[in-house]
C-alpha atoms as a PDB file:
ATOM      1  CA  MET A   1     -17.655 -12.120  -8.770  1.00  0.00           C
ATOM      2  CA  THR A   2     -17.545 -11.878  -5.136  1.00  0.00           C
ATOM      3  CA  THR A   3     -14.741 -12.875  -2.859  1.00  0.00           C
ATOM      4  CA  ASN A   4     -14.749 -13.283   0.731  1.00  0.00           C
ATOM      5  CA  ASN A   5     -12.243 -12.664   3.654  1.00  0.00           C
ATOM      6  CA  VAL A   6     -11.056 -16.094   4.436  1.00  0.00           C
ATOM      7  CA  GLN A   7      -7.261 -16.712   4.968  1.00  0.00           C
ATOM      8  CA  THR A   8      -6.355 -20.306   4.383  1.00  0.00           C
ATOM      9  CA  LYS A   9      -4.331 -22.096   6.847  1.00  0.00           C
ATOM     10  CA  THR A  10      -2.029 -23.356   4.195  1.00  0.00           C
ATOM     11  CA  SER A  11      -1.023 -19.712   2.829  1.00  0.00           C
ATOM     12  CA  LYS A  12       0.350 -16.917   4.658  1.00  0.00           C
ATOM     13  CA  ALA A  13      -0.503 -13.483   3.475  1.00  0.00           C
ATOM     14  CA  TYR A  14       2.494 -11.623   4.312  1.00  0.00           C
ATOM     15  CA  LYS A  15       6.368 -12.210   4.613  1.00  0.00           C
ATOM     16  CA  GLY A  16       8.171 -11.806   7.710  1.00  0.00           C
ATOM     17  CA  VAL A  17       6.978 -11.166  11.183  1.00  0.00           C
ATOM     18  CA  ALA A  18       3.240  -9.934  11.625  1.00  0.00           C
ATOM     19  CA  MET A  19       2.730  -6.243  11.869  1.00  0.00           C
ATOM     20  CA  GLU A  20       0.783  -6.582  15.051  1.00  0.00           C
ATOM     21  CA  GLY A  21       0.874  -5.168  18.647  1.00  0.00           C
ATOM     22  CA  ILE A  22       4.013  -3.174  19.553  1.00  0.00           C
ATOM     23  CA  ILE A  23       5.688  -3.590  16.219  1.00  0.00           C
ATOM     24  CA  ALA A  24       2.660  -2.089  14.354  1.00  0.00           C
ATOM     25  CA  ARG A  25       2.314   0.661  16.903  1.00  0.00           C
ATOM     26  CA  TRP A  26       6.214   1.597  16.531  1.00  0.00           C
ATOM     27  CA  TYR A  27       5.775   1.757  12.847  1.00  0.00           C
ATOM     28  CA  ALA A  28       2.621   3.850  13.207  1.00  0.00           C
ATOM     29  CA  LYS A  29       4.342   6.311  15.370  1.00  0.00           C
ATOM     30  CA  ASN A  30       7.390   6.784  13.028  1.00  0.00           C
ATOM     31  CA  VAL A  31       6.066   6.355   9.557  1.00  0.00           C
ATOM     32  CA  ARG A  32       4.152   9.701   9.358  1.00  0.00           C
ATOM     33  CA  GLN A  33       7.541  11.611   9.387  1.00  0.00           C
ATOM     34  CA  GLY A  34       9.183  12.007   5.867  1.00  0.00           C
ATOM     35  CA  ARG A  35       6.272  10.384   3.904  1.00  0.00           C
ATOM     36  CA  ASP A  36       4.547  12.923   1.498  1.00  0.00           C
ATOM     37  CA  PHE A  37       0.921  11.621   1.982  1.00  0.00           C
ATOM     38  CA  ASP A  38      -0.555  15.180   1.137  1.00  0.00           C
ATOM     39  CA  VAL A  39       1.455  14.870  -2.266  1.00  0.00           C
ATOM     40  CA  LEU A  40       0.094  11.244  -2.971  1.00  0.00           C
ATOM     41  CA  ALA A  41      -3.358  12.461  -2.002  1.00  0.00           C
ATOM     42  CA  ARG A  42      -2.951  15.196  -4.790  1.00  0.00           C
ATOM     43  CA  ARG A  43      -1.801  12.592  -7.434  1.00  0.00           C
ATOM     44  CA  VAL A  44      -5.069  10.672  -6.673  1.00  0.00           C
ATOM     45  CA  ALA A  45      -7.178  13.738  -7.023  1.00  0.00           C
ATOM     46  CA  GLU A  46      -5.534  14.379 -10.402  1.00  0.00           C
ATOM     47  CA  ILE A  47      -6.979  11.120 -11.924  1.00  0.00           C
ATOM     48  CA  VAL A  48     -10.033  10.388  -9.886  1.00  0.00           C
ATOM     49  CA  PRO A  49     -13.342  12.483 -10.644  1.00  0.00           C
ATOM     50  CA  ALA A  50     -15.145  13.921  -7.667  1.00  0.00           C
ATOM     51  CA  GLY A  51     -17.498  11.426  -6.091  1.00  0.00           C
ATOM     52  CA  GLY A  52     -15.447   8.597  -7.092  1.00  0.00           C
ATOM     53  CA  ARG A  53     -14.489   5.594  -4.734  1.00  0.00           C
ATOM     54  CA  VAL A  54     -10.865   5.000  -3.754  1.00  0.00           C
ATOM     55  CA  LEU A  55      -9.394   1.795  -2.116  1.00  0.00           C
ATOM     56  CA  GLU A  56      -6.089   1.833  -0.304  1.00  0.00           C
ATOM     57  CA  VAL A  57      -4.657  -1.750  -0.035  1.00  0.00           C
ATOM     58  CA  ALA A  58      -2.541  -2.275   3.116  1.00  0.00           C
ATOM     59  CA  PRO A  59      -2.878   1.357   4.470  1.00  0.00           C
ATOM     60  CA  GLY A  60      -0.917   0.572   7.650  1.00  0.00           C
ATOM     61  CA  PRO A  61      -1.695   3.496  10.035  1.00  0.00           C
ATOM     62  CA  GLY A  62      -4.224   4.938   7.269  1.00  0.00           C
ATOM     63  CA  PHE A  63      -2.489   8.379   6.952  1.00  0.00           C
ATOM     64  CA  LEU A  64      -2.825   8.348   3.130  1.00  0.00           C
ATOM     65  CA  ALA A  65      -6.384   7.327   3.175  1.00  0.00           C
ATOM     66  CA  ILE A  66      -7.066  10.061   5.607  1.00  0.00           C
ATOM     67  CA  GLU A  67      -5.481  12.542   3.446  1.00  0.00           C
ATOM     68  CA  ILE A  68      -7.483  11.464   0.603  1.00  0.00           C
ATOM     69  CA  ALA A  69     -10.717  11.578   2.575  1.00  0.00           C
ATOM     70  CA  LYS A  70      -9.909  15.057   3.912  1.00  0.00           C
ATOM     71  CA  THR A  71     -10.483  16.562   0.386  1.00  0.00           C
ATOM     72  CA  GLY A  72     -14.104  15.645   0.815  1.00  0.00           C
ATOM     73  CA  LYS A  73     -14.453  14.413  -2.797  1.00  0.00           C
ATOM     74  CA  TYR A  74     -14.276  10.659  -2.488  1.00  0.00           C
ATOM     75  CA  GLN A  75     -15.639   7.647  -0.785  1.00  0.00           C
ATOM     76  CA  VAL A  76     -12.733   5.984   0.843  1.00  0.00           C
ATOM     77  CA  SER A  77     -12.035   2.450   1.844  1.00  0.00           C
ATOM     78  CA  GLY A  78      -8.980   0.424   3.134  1.00  0.00           C
ATOM     79  CA  VAL A  79      -8.002  -3.164   3.593  1.00  0.00           C
ATOM     80  CA  ASP A  80      -5.165  -4.261   5.797  1.00  0.00           C
ATOM     81  CA  ILE A  81      -4.146  -7.753   7.003  1.00  0.00           C
ATOM     82  CA  SER A  82      -3.201  -6.530  10.608  1.00  0.00           C
ATOM     83  CA  ARG A  83      -5.886  -6.327  12.933  1.00  0.00           C
ATOM     84  CA  THR A  84      -3.739  -3.856  14.959  1.00  0.00           C
ATOM     85  CA  PHE A  85      -3.481  -1.548  12.048  1.00  0.00           C
ATOM     86  CA  VAL A  86      -7.172  -1.526  11.414  1.00  0.00           C
ATOM     87  CA  GLU A  87      -7.851  -0.528  15.019  1.00  0.00           C
ATOM     88  CA  ILE A  88      -4.993   2.242  14.661  1.00  0.00           C
ATOM     89  CA  GLU A  89      -6.560   3.272  11.149  1.00  0.00           C
ATOM     90  CA  ARG A  90     -10.032   3.699  12.645  1.00  0.00           C
ATOM     91  CA  ALA A  91      -8.719   5.686  15.550  1.00  0.00           C
ATOM     92  CA  ASN A  92      -6.715   7.907  13.432  1.00  0.00           C
ATOM     93  CA  ALA A  93      -9.824   8.630  11.048  1.00  0.00           C
ATOM     94  CA  GLN A  94     -11.945   9.340  14.096  1.00  0.00           C
ATOM     95  CA  GLU A  95      -9.339  11.854  15.356  1.00  0.00           C
ATOM     96  CA  ALA A  96      -9.059  13.375  11.834  1.00  0.00           C
ATOM     97  CA  GLY A  97     -12.869  13.716  11.616  1.00  0.00           C
ATOM     98  CA  VAL A  98     -13.003  11.585   8.409  1.00  0.00           C
ATOM     99  CA  GLU A  99     -15.404   8.586   7.577  1.00  0.00           C
ATOM    100  CA  ILE A 100     -13.302   5.688   6.007  1.00  0.00           C
ATOM    101  CA  ASP A 101     -14.422   2.152   5.499  1.00  0.00           C
ATOM    102  CA  PHE A 102     -11.287   0.414   7.040  1.00  0.00           C
ATOM    103  CA  ARG A 103     -11.623  -3.464   7.392  1.00  0.00           C
ATOM    104  CA  GLN A 104      -9.259  -6.318   7.881  1.00  0.00           C
ATOM    105  CA  GLY A 105      -8.414  -8.330   4.794  1.00  0.00           C
ATOM    106  CA  ASP A 106      -5.971 -10.052   2.504  1.00  0.00           C
ATOM    107  CA  ALA A 107      -4.785  -8.200  -0.690  1.00  0.00           C
ATOM    108  CA  ALA A 108      -4.769 -11.404  -2.627  1.00  0.00           C
ATOM    109  CA  GLN A 109      -8.613 -11.857  -1.785  1.00  0.00           C
ATOM    110  CA  LEU A 110     -10.158  -8.572  -1.447  1.00  0.00           C
ATOM    111  CA  PRO A 111     -13.552  -8.346   0.177  1.00  0.00           C
ATOM    112  CA  PHE A 112     -15.255  -6.291  -2.440  1.00  0.00           C
ATOM    113  CA  GLU A 113     -17.469  -6.750  -5.649  1.00  0.00           C
ATOM    114  CA  ASP A 114     -16.050  -6.568  -9.094  1.00  0.00           C
ATOM    115  CA  ALA A 115     -15.629  -2.896 -10.426  1.00  0.00           C
ATOM    116  CA  SER A 116     -16.269  -1.212  -7.123  1.00  0.00           C
ATOM    117  CA  PHE A 117     -13.652   1.507  -7.307  1.00  0.00           C
ATOM    118  CA  ASP A 118     -12.325   4.198  -9.568  1.00  0.00           C
ATOM    119  CA  SER A 119      -9.003   4.062  -8.056  1.00  0.00           C
ATOM    120  CA  VAL A 120      -6.825   1.644  -5.988  1.00  0.00           C
ATOM    121  CA  ILE A 121      -3.601   2.563  -4.353  1.00  0.00           C
ATOM    122  CA  CYS A 122      -0.927   0.591  -2.646  1.00  0.00           C
ATOM    123  CA  THR A 123       2.228   2.054  -1.050  1.00  0.00           C
ATOM    124  CA  ALA A 124       5.233   0.457   0.666  1.00  0.00           C
ATOM    125  CA  ALA A 125       3.591  -2.967   1.128  1.00  0.00           C
ATOM    126  CA  PHE A 126       3.633  -4.927  -2.264  1.00  0.00           C
ATOM    127  CA  LYS A 127       7.012  -6.488  -1.232  1.00  0.00           C
ATOM    128  CA  ASN A 128       5.623  -8.091   1.667  1.00  0.00           C
ATOM    129  CA  PHE A 129       2.806  -9.813  -0.148  1.00  0.00           C
ATOM    130  CA  THR A 130       3.259 -13.587  -0.513  1.00  0.00           C
ATOM    131  CA  ARG A 131       0.857 -13.791  -3.648  1.00  0.00           C
ATOM    132  CA  PRO A 132       1.990 -10.735  -5.459  1.00  0.00           C
ATOM    133  CA  ALA A 133       0.446 -11.645  -8.795  1.00  0.00           C
ATOM    134  CA  ARG A 134      -2.851 -12.486  -7.160  1.00  0.00           C
ATOM    135  CA  ALA A 135      -2.746  -9.063  -5.425  1.00  0.00           C
ATOM    136  CA  LEU A 136      -2.447  -7.371  -8.661  1.00  0.00           C
ATOM    137  CA  SER A 137      -5.163  -9.464 -10.270  1.00  0.00           C
ATOM    138  CA  GLU A 138      -7.346  -8.434  -7.344  1.00  0.00           C
ATOM    139  CA  MET A 139      -6.625  -4.757  -7.553  1.00  0.00           C
ATOM    140  CA  TYR A 140      -7.596  -4.878 -11.238  1.00  0.00           C
ATOM    141  CA  ARG A 141     -10.734  -6.904 -10.698  1.00  0.00           C
ATOM    142  CA  VAL A 142     -12.079  -4.187  -8.149  1.00  0.00           C
ATOM    143  CA  LEU A 143     -11.401  -1.392 -10.578  1.00  0.00           C
ATOM    144  CA  ARG A 144     -14.373  -0.041 -12.604  1.00  0.00           C
ATOM    145  CA  PRO A 145     -13.991   0.512 -16.577  1.00  0.00           C
ATOM    146  CA  HIS A 146     -11.410   3.342 -17.126  1.00  0.00           C
ATOM    147  CA  GLY A 147     -10.198   3.203 -13.476  1.00  0.00           C
ATOM    148  CA  HIS A 148      -6.450   3.059 -12.428  1.00  0.00           C
ATOM    149  CA  ALA A 149      -4.549   1.317  -9.791  1.00  0.00           C
ATOM    150  CA  LEU A 150      -1.024   2.556  -8.515  1.00  0.00           C
ATOM    151  CA  VAL A 151       1.341   0.433  -6.701  1.00  0.00           C
ATOM    152  CA  ILE A 152       4.517   2.115  -5.064  1.00  0.00           C
ATOM    153  CA  ASP A 153       7.297   0.504  -3.482  1.00  0.00           C
ATOM    154  CA  LEU A 154      10.932  -0.021  -2.719  1.00  0.00           C
ATOM    155  CA  ARG A 155      12.953  -1.820  -5.666  1.00  0.00           C
ATOM    156  CA  HIS A 156      15.312  -4.435  -5.233  1.00  0.00           C
ATOM    157  CA  GLY A 157      18.928  -3.144  -5.676  1.00  0.00           C
ATOM    158  CA  ALA A 158      18.054   0.543  -4.713  1.00  0.00           C
ATOM    159  CA  PRO A 159      21.406   2.081  -3.925  1.00  0.00           C
ATOM    160  CA  ARG A 160      22.277   2.178  -0.180  1.00  0.00           C
ATOM    161  CA  ASP A 161      23.246   5.993  -0.180  1.00  0.00           C
ATOM    162  CA  GLU A 162      19.920   6.773  -1.599  1.00  0.00           C
ATOM    163  CA  ILE A 163      18.267   4.724   1.148  1.00  0.00           C
ATOM    164  CA  ASN A 164      20.286   6.379   3.907  1.00  0.00           C
ATOM    165  CA  ARG A 165      19.424   9.906   2.299  1.00  0.00           C
ATOM    166  CA  GLU A 166      15.509   8.911   2.409  1.00  0.00           C
ATOM    167  CA  VAL A 167      15.813   7.755   6.018  1.00  0.00           C
ATOM    168  CA  GLU A 168      17.746  10.965   6.991  1.00  0.00           C
ATOM    169  CA  ARG A 169      15.079  13.139   5.214  1.00  0.00           C
ATOM    170  CA  MET A 170      12.488  11.540   7.790  1.00  0.00           C
ATOM    171  CA  GLY A 171      13.756  13.628  10.495  1.00  0.00           C
ATOM    172  CA  LEU A 172      13.792  10.738  13.065  1.00  0.00           C
ATOM    173  CA  ASN A 173      15.775  10.714  16.350  1.00  0.00           C
ATOM    174  CA  ARG A 174      19.108   8.913  16.416  1.00  0.00           C
ATOM    175  CA  LEU A 175      17.635   5.497  17.677  1.00  0.00           C
ATOM    176  CA  ASN A 176      14.704   5.470  15.349  1.00  0.00           C
ATOM    177  CA  THR A 177      17.166   6.596  12.450  1.00  0.00           C
ATOM    178  CA  PHE A 178      19.423   3.564  13.301  1.00  0.00           C
ATOM    179  CA  LEU A 179      16.342   1.120  13.637  1.00  0.00           C
ATOM    180  CA  THR A 180      14.827   2.321  10.272  1.00  0.00           C
ATOM    181  CA  LYS A 181      18.020   2.270   8.360  1.00  0.00           C
ATOM    182  CA  TRP A 182      18.558  -1.423   9.856  1.00  0.00           C
ATOM    183  CA  THR A 183      15.072  -2.385   8.651  1.00  0.00           C
ATOM    184  CA  PHE A 184      15.633  -1.305   5.137  1.00  0.00           C
ATOM    185  CA  SER A 185      18.998  -3.124   4.847  1.00  0.00           C
ATOM    186  CA  GLN A 186      18.070  -6.240   6.662  1.00  0.00           C
ATOM    187  CA  MET A 187      14.332  -6.659   5.744  1.00  0.00           C
ATOM    188  CA  LEU A 188      13.009  -4.315   3.064  1.00  0.00           C
ATOM    189  CA  LEU A 189      15.724  -4.613   0.679  1.00  0.00           C
ATOM    190  CA  ARG A 190      15.928  -8.300   0.795  1.00  0.00           C
ATOM    191  CA  THR A 191      12.133  -8.816   0.204  1.00  0.00           C
ATOM    192  CA  ALA A 192      11.839  -6.164  -2.550  1.00  0.00           C
ATOM    193  CA  TYR A 193      11.226  -7.133  -5.993  1.00  0.00           C
ATOM    194  CA  THR A 194      13.200  -6.744  -9.280  1.00  0.00           C
ATOM    195  CA  GLU A 195      11.517  -5.167 -12.320  1.00  0.00           C
ATOM    196  CA  GLU A 196      11.840  -8.463 -14.138  1.00  0.00           C
ATOM    197  CA  GLN A 197       9.991 -10.219 -11.309  1.00  0.00           C
ATOM    198  CA  ILE A 198       7.203  -7.512 -11.491  1.00  0.00           C
ATOM    199  CA  ARG A 199       6.792  -7.975 -15.259  1.00  0.00           C
ATOM    200  CA  GLN A 200       6.337 -11.617 -14.449  1.00  0.00           C
ATOM    201  CA  PHE A 201       3.798 -10.977 -12.022  1.00  0.00           C
ATOM    202  CA  LEU A 202       1.807  -8.926 -14.274  1.00  0.00           C
ATOM    203  CA  ALA A 203       2.059 -11.622 -16.932  1.00  0.00           C
ATOM    204  CA  GLU A 204       0.870 -14.021 -14.461  1.00  0.00           C
ATOM    205  CA  ALA A 205      -2.154 -11.943 -13.469  1.00  0.00           C
ATOM    206  CA  GLY A 206      -3.085 -11.598 -17.072  1.00  0.00           C
ATOM    207  CA  ILE A 207      -3.437  -7.624 -16.863  1.00  0.00           C
ATOM    208  CA  PRO A 208      -3.642  -6.347 -20.349  1.00  0.00           C
ATOM    209  CA  LYS A 209      -2.588  -2.616 -19.753  1.00  0.00           C
ATOM    210  CA  SER A 210       0.126  -1.807 -17.280  1.00  0.00           C
ATOM    211  CA  ARG A 211       3.441   0.076 -17.019  1.00  0.00           C
ATOM    212  CA  ILE A 212       6.263   0.218 -14.635  1.00  0.00           C
ATOM    213  CA  VAL A 213       8.210   3.323 -13.737  1.00  0.00           C
ATOM    214  CA  SER A 214      11.394   2.782 -11.769  1.00  0.00           C
ATOM    215  CA  GLY A 215      13.640   5.725 -10.176  1.00  0.00           C
ATOM    216  CA  GLY A 216      15.408   6.706  -7.016  1.00  0.00           C
ATOM    217  CA  ILE A 217      14.812   4.004  -4.332  1.00  0.00           C
ATOM    218  CA  GLY A 218      11.510   2.690  -5.702  1.00  0.00           C
ATOM    219  CA  PHE A 219       9.125   1.867  -8.711  1.00  0.00           C
ATOM    220  CA  GLU A 220       5.454   2.510  -9.640  1.00  0.00           C
ATOM    221  CA  ILE A 221       3.260  -0.163 -11.304  1.00  0.00           C
ATOM    222  CA  TRP A 222       0.316   1.327 -13.050  1.00  0.00           C
ATOM    223  CA  LEU A 223      -2.839  -0.732 -13.957  1.00  0.00           C
ATOM    224  CA  ASP A 224      -5.309   0.570 -16.363  1.00  0.00           C
ATOM    225  CA  LYS A 225      -8.663  -0.874 -16.785  1.00  0.00           C
END
């Protein structure tokens, strides 16, 4: 089965305001600090054989995809709903000297053939999807046999003190620390999903092999093909 990249007028792909223009550029400027992209890239390398294909869903500024591509072991692609982010991703990849197939698209309608990737990863974006079960189904669809998908995000009900510690660890200036804490409390925590909701999404998606690992401020969803 092949899907196309058409967003219907009756469904919005993301919750809240669009990550476009100045908002996307502010996010891109601040998100690099405090995020262990190199650590995540090594986790991918532990489960994906050299020469494999890796897809990042909603890569934002593209820092994780770039770290994965820097290993020189994989063909890397990325799909983001934001046109501004795709522009930023491509510029960042060019600056880093790596080739990545970044394209604009909806997580609930990935523009790839079935069984195209050995690994799919999505971090800090799942809570923003308006069709989370469909997004999980799409990630599973594009996995090759024996492939794995990993979704990492904030969990609903994460303790506020742990959130504050996470933000403080980012090393932001005073203004951006305040803005980031406000974003967590007023936006991100409100849209994050509970573990029960995630289990419902997995059941709706009809994914036969999956597991949820919760801890700290977030959770991991693993899909095994």
